[in-house]
C-alpha atoms as a PDB file:
ATOM      1  CA  MET A   1      25.887 -16.344  13.171  1.00  0.00           C
ATOM      2  CA  THR A   2      22.409 -16.640  15.524  1.00  0.00           C
ATOM      3  CA  GLU A   3      19.780 -14.289  13.986  1.00  0.00           C
ATOM      4  CA  ALA A   4      19.888 -11.251  16.410  1.00  0.00           C
ATOM      5  CA  PRO A   5      15.748 -10.789  17.833  1.00  0.00           C
ATOM      6  CA  TYR A   6      15.170  -7.525  16.037  1.00  0.00           C
ATOM      7  CA  ASP A   7      16.248  -9.196  12.457  1.00  0.00           C
ATOM      8  CA  ARG A   8      14.402 -12.247  13.591  1.00  0.00           C
ATOM      9  CA  ILE A   9      10.714 -10.137  14.604  1.00  0.00           C
ATOM     10  CA  ARG A  10      11.232  -8.341  11.382  1.00  0.00           C
ATOM     11  CA  THR A  11      11.328 -11.390  10.055  1.00  0.00           C
ATOM     12  CA  LEU A  12       8.315 -13.040  11.513  1.00  0.00           C
ATOM     13  CA  ASN A  13       6.352  -9.806  11.479  1.00  0.00           C
ATOM     14  CA  ASP A  14       7.223  -9.581   7.622  1.00  0.00           C
ATOM     15  CA  ARG A  15       6.741 -13.235   6.212  1.00  0.00           C
ATOM     16  CA  PHE A  16       3.043 -12.919   8.258  1.00  0.00           C
ATOM     17  CA  ARG A  17       1.740  -8.705   7.073  1.00  0.00           C
ATOM     18  CA  ARG A  18       2.609 -10.310   3.131  1.00  0.00           C
ATOM     19  CA  SER A  19       1.247 -13.856   3.382  1.00  0.00           C
ATOM     20  CA  PHE A  20      -1.761 -12.693   6.009  1.00  0.00           C
ATOM     21  CA  SER A  21       0.267 -16.909   7.718  1.00  0.00           C
ATOM     22  CA  GLY A  22       0.199 -17.613  10.728  1.00  0.00           C
ATOM     23  CA  GLY A  23      -1.609 -15.166  13.234  1.00  0.00           C
ATOM     24  CA  THR A  24      -4.855 -13.013  13.039  1.00  0.00           C
ATOM     25  CA  VAL A  25      -5.651 -10.909  10.999  1.00  0.00           C
ATOM     26  CA  LEU A  26      -9.087  -7.980  12.201  1.00  0.00           C
ATOM     27  CA  VAL A  27     -10.424  -5.637  10.073  1.00  0.00           C
ATOM     28  CA  THR A  28     -11.748  -2.871  11.610  1.00  0.00           C
ATOM     29  CA  PRO A  29     -15.122  -1.367  10.861  1.00  0.00           C
ATOM     30  CA  GLY A  30     -14.335   1.868   9.333  1.00  0.00           C
ATOM     31  CA  ILE A  31     -12.124  -0.637   6.775  1.00  0.00           C
ATOM     32  CA  ARG A  32     -15.723  -2.856   6.657  1.00  0.00           C
ATOM     33  CA  ALA A  33     -17.655   0.245   5.304  1.00  0.00           C
ATOM     34  CA  LEU A  34     -15.789   1.113   2.245  1.00  0.00           C
ATOM     35  CA  PRO A  35     -15.816  -0.213  -1.254  1.00  0.00           C
ATOM     36  CA  GLU A  36     -15.690  -4.406  -1.867  1.00  0.00           C
ATOM     37  CA  ASP A  37     -12.985  -3.236  -4.077  1.00  0.00           C
ATOM     38  CA  GLN A  38     -10.888  -0.515  -1.778  1.00  0.00           C
ATOM     39  CA  GLN A  39     -11.156  -3.322   1.165  1.00  0.00           C
ATOM     40  CA  ALA A  40      -8.767  -5.753  -1.431  1.00  0.00           C
ATOM     41  CA  GLU A  41      -6.938  -2.575  -2.626  1.00  0.00           C
ATOM     42  CA  VAL A  42      -5.742  -1.401   1.398  1.00  0.00           C
ATOM     43  CA  LEU A  43      -5.098  -5.133   2.117  1.00  0.00           C
ATOM     44  CA  HIS A  44      -2.943  -5.620  -1.115  1.00  0.00           C
ATOM     45  CA  ALA A  45      -1.503  -2.687   0.864  1.00  0.00           C
ATOM     46  CA  VAL A  46      -0.352  -3.461   3.495  1.00  0.00           C
ATOM     47  CA  ARG A  47       0.672  -6.591   2.278  1.00  0.00           C
ATOM     48  CA  SER A  48       2.832  -4.832  -0.493  1.00  0.00           C
ATOM     49  CA  PHE A  49       3.985  -2.371   1.904  1.00  0.00           C
ATOM     50  CA  THR A  50       7.977  -1.575   1.808  1.00  0.00           C
ATOM     51  CA  ALA A  51       8.089   2.761   2.733  1.00  0.00           C
ATOM     52  CA  PHE A  52       9.297   1.758   6.706  1.00  0.00           C
ATOM     53  CA  ASP A  53      11.878   4.557   7.919  1.00  0.00           C
ATOM     54  CA  PRO A  54      12.799   4.761  10.768  1.00  0.00           C
ATOM     55  CA  GLY A  55      10.585   7.422  11.464  1.00  0.00           C
ATOM     56  CA  ASN A  56       7.351   4.439  11.551  1.00  0.00           C
ATOM     57  CA  ASP A  57       9.471   1.819  12.179  1.00  0.00           C
ATOM     58  CA  PRO A  58      12.455   2.441  14.911  1.00  0.00           C
ATOM     59  CA  TYR A  59      12.887  -0.548  16.175  1.00  0.00           C
ATOM     60  CA  GLY A  60      13.214  -2.328  12.764  1.00  0.00           C
ATOM     61  CA  GLU A  61      10.562  -4.877  13.446  1.00  0.00           C
ATOM     62  CA  HIS A  62       8.187  -4.093  10.749  1.00  0.00           C
ATOM     63  CA  ASP A  63       5.062  -3.506  12.888  1.00  0.00           C
ATOM     64  CA  PHE A  64       3.840  -0.434  11.984  1.00  0.00           C
ATOM     65  CA  GLY A  65       2.677   1.353   8.367  1.00  0.00           C
ATOM     66  CA  SER A  66       0.574   3.813   6.956  1.00  0.00           C
ATOM     67  CA  VAL A  67      -1.494   3.566   3.404  1.00  0.00           C
ATOM     68  CA  GLU A  68      -3.342   6.111   1.301  1.00  0.00           C
ATOM     69  CA  ILE A  69      -6.977   3.882  -1.089  1.00  0.00           C
ATOM     70  CA  ALA A  70      -8.715   6.424  -2.364  1.00  0.00           C
ATOM     71  CA  GLY A  71      -8.112   9.489  -0.108  1.00  0.00           C
ATOM     72  CA  GLN A  72      -8.331   7.875   2.981  1.00  0.00           C
ATOM     73  CA  ARG A  73      -5.494   7.398   5.352  1.00  0.00           C
ATOM     74  CA  CYS A  74      -5.828   3.334   7.039  1.00  0.00           C
ATOM     75  CA  PHE A  75      -2.890   2.389   9.493  1.00  0.00           C
ATOM     76  CA  TRP A  76      -1.955  -1.233  10.269  1.00  0.00           C
ATOM     77  CA  LYS A  77      -0.072  -2.904  13.249  1.00  0.00           C
ATOM     78  CA  ILE A  78       1.981  -5.965  14.469  1.00  0.00           C
ATOM     79  CA  ASP A  79       1.245  -7.083  18.170  1.00  0.00           C
ATOM     80  CA  ALA A  80       2.589  -9.539  19.584  1.00  0.00           C
ATOM     81  CA  TYR A  81       0.967 -11.421  21.999  1.00  0.00           C
ATOM     82  CA  ASP A  82       1.587 -14.837  23.943  1.00  0.00           C
ATOM     83  CA  LEU A  83      -0.333 -17.671  23.717  1.00  0.00           C
ATOM     84  CA  THR A  84      -3.315 -16.889  25.215  1.00  0.00           C
ATOM     85  CA  LEU A  85      -3.896 -13.390  23.840  1.00  0.00           C
ATOM     86  CA  THR A  86      -3.981 -11.700  27.186  1.00  0.00           C
ATOM     87  CA  GLU A  87      -0.959 -10.658  27.874  1.00  0.00           C
ATOM     88  CA  ALA A  88       2.679  -8.994  25.437  1.00  0.00           C
ATOM     89  CA  SER A  89       4.907 -12.247  23.971  1.00  0.00           C
ATOM     90  CA  PRO A  90       7.611 -13.457  27.197  1.00  0.00           C
ATOM     91  CA  ASP A  91       9.161 -14.137  23.252  1.00  0.00           C
ATOM     92  CA  PRO A  92       7.894 -12.117  20.048  1.00  0.00           C
ATOM     93  CA  ALA A  93      10.949 -13.220  18.145  1.00  0.00           C
ATOM     94  CA  ASP A  94      10.085 -16.797  19.804  1.00  0.00           C
ATOM     95  CA  PRO A  95       6.991 -18.270  17.356  1.00  0.00           C
ATOM     96  CA  SER A  96       6.733 -21.374  19.306  1.00  0.00           C
ATOM     97  CA  VAL A  97       5.201 -18.167  22.555  1.00  0.00           C
ATOM     98  CA  THR A  98       3.819 -15.773  20.611  1.00  0.00           C
ATOM     99  CA  ARG A  99       0.822 -15.065  17.918  1.00  0.00           C
ATOM    100  CA  ARG A 100       0.721 -12.216  16.420  1.00  0.00           C
ATOM    101  CA  VAL A 101      -1.897  -9.893  15.854  1.00  0.00           C
ATOM    102  CA  LEU A 102      -2.701  -7.054  11.923  1.00  0.00           C
ATOM    103  CA  THR A 103      -5.288  -5.343  12.955  1.00  0.00           C
ATOM    104  CA  ILE A 104      -5.889  -2.945   9.718  1.00  0.00           C
ATOM    105  CA  MET A 105      -7.833   0.318  10.322  1.00  0.00           C
ATOM    106  CA  LEU A 106      -8.667   3.668   8.972  1.00  0.00           C
ATOM    107  CA  ALA A 107      -6.728   6.364  10.625  1.00  0.00           C
ATOM    108  CA  SER A 108      -9.762   8.184  11.938  1.00  0.00           C
ATOM    109  CA  GLU A 109     -10.161   5.001  13.594  1.00  0.00           C
ATOM    110  CA  TYR A 110      -7.262   5.396  15.913  1.00  0.00           C
END
């Protein structure tokens, strides 16, 4: 049985988010301004995030989350681009035509 596209996207997003491998991870200036121990906590919280629900994951792709570290609300978001990073991926379920970008930011930077 073939995996549905959204299942494959979720698998690829989870693999990337947990490992920070297979794409680009961008950390905003607000996150970089946090003390190093808090930065490490944010990265760990993003990697271990499991609180997906219909409110933050309506399509079941595990591409967004929100965590709170030391009173700071942080967002993370995975976007799927084409290989040149200039347009959306033509098929986010196909890693041969997709480059994932994970952005981690303070909610106040959104």
